[in-house]
Amino acid sequence: MDSRAMRATAALGVLLLLTTVAIANIDEPAIQVVAANGTGTATFTRPLSAFIYTAGLGYTFSAYWVDLKTTGNQHVAWLTALQVQLWDDPASYAGMSVGFSVTAGNTDTTFTVTPGVISFDPIPAPFAEATMSWGFTCVDTAASGDSHVLMQGVPTGEAIYKAWYNGTAPFGYSVNALQASSVPPGSGAVGNLGNTVPPDGYTSLGVPVGEISTQTAFMLTHLDTADVNTSMWLNLPEPGALGLAALGVVTLLRRRR
């Protein structure tokens, strides 16, 4: 094969690579909530088939007032609300949004909430951009009988919320603890904190990306409540934009003949 044919073949390969539409997949279970304390461990899971698919919204799931119990039917904690959105549209966005409210059991309770990993054909580095956000509220309830509420990442010192790409490559982490105190005890002290990364738009990841995932894990003081809202979105380029980029590469190769 002469050099001209080799250049043409390379250009065609680049064009095919850049204009390929990503095929997305969501791992099972699509959502999992685990609560654990001195009573035991309770697990709530739902498959993707339990979600509702709506064009323009992706897959959504909601649940309310779920009594999280052990396999022996012992109460561990309350999942008072859960709303999940999983988006795997390869022509626009891939991402996940999880909002939930929980009430700890009679002893300090650990909660771990994990949506399914979203994977897709790798997006070329120049087009891989992402954003994440998190918001936490914790409330000291009168039922707890004390004057303090603590929401702390687990293991101790770890971020409460984590967002990754390509397996375990970190995109962003939240704070590792949130707390508040009340006087008198049980008067409803509230801790509230949130952030968006970046503040506007998207951050370039600088490498090809084929997977995103998130997890929220924290310990909550006994009988207190917490509200959590998190999201991570990957901005997928439109096939037209990829095509223009590929044509630019082809044009460059032609100029070098």
Foldseek 3Di string as FASTA:
>chain_A
DDPVVVLVVVLVVLLCVLLDQKDKDWDPPQKKKWKQDPVGIFIDTHRQVQWDQDVPFGTKDKDAFDQGADPVRHGFWTWGIKIKTADQRSQWKGKIKIKTKIFGAQFWMKMKMWGTKMFIDWHAQVQKWKKKKKKKKKKQAVVNVFFKKKKFFPPGPAAQKFKAFPPRHGPDGHDGMWMFTDPPHRPITMTIDMDMVPNDDTDRPRGTTTIMIMMGMIIIGHRIMMIMIMMMMITNHHSVVSNVVSVVSSVVSVVVD
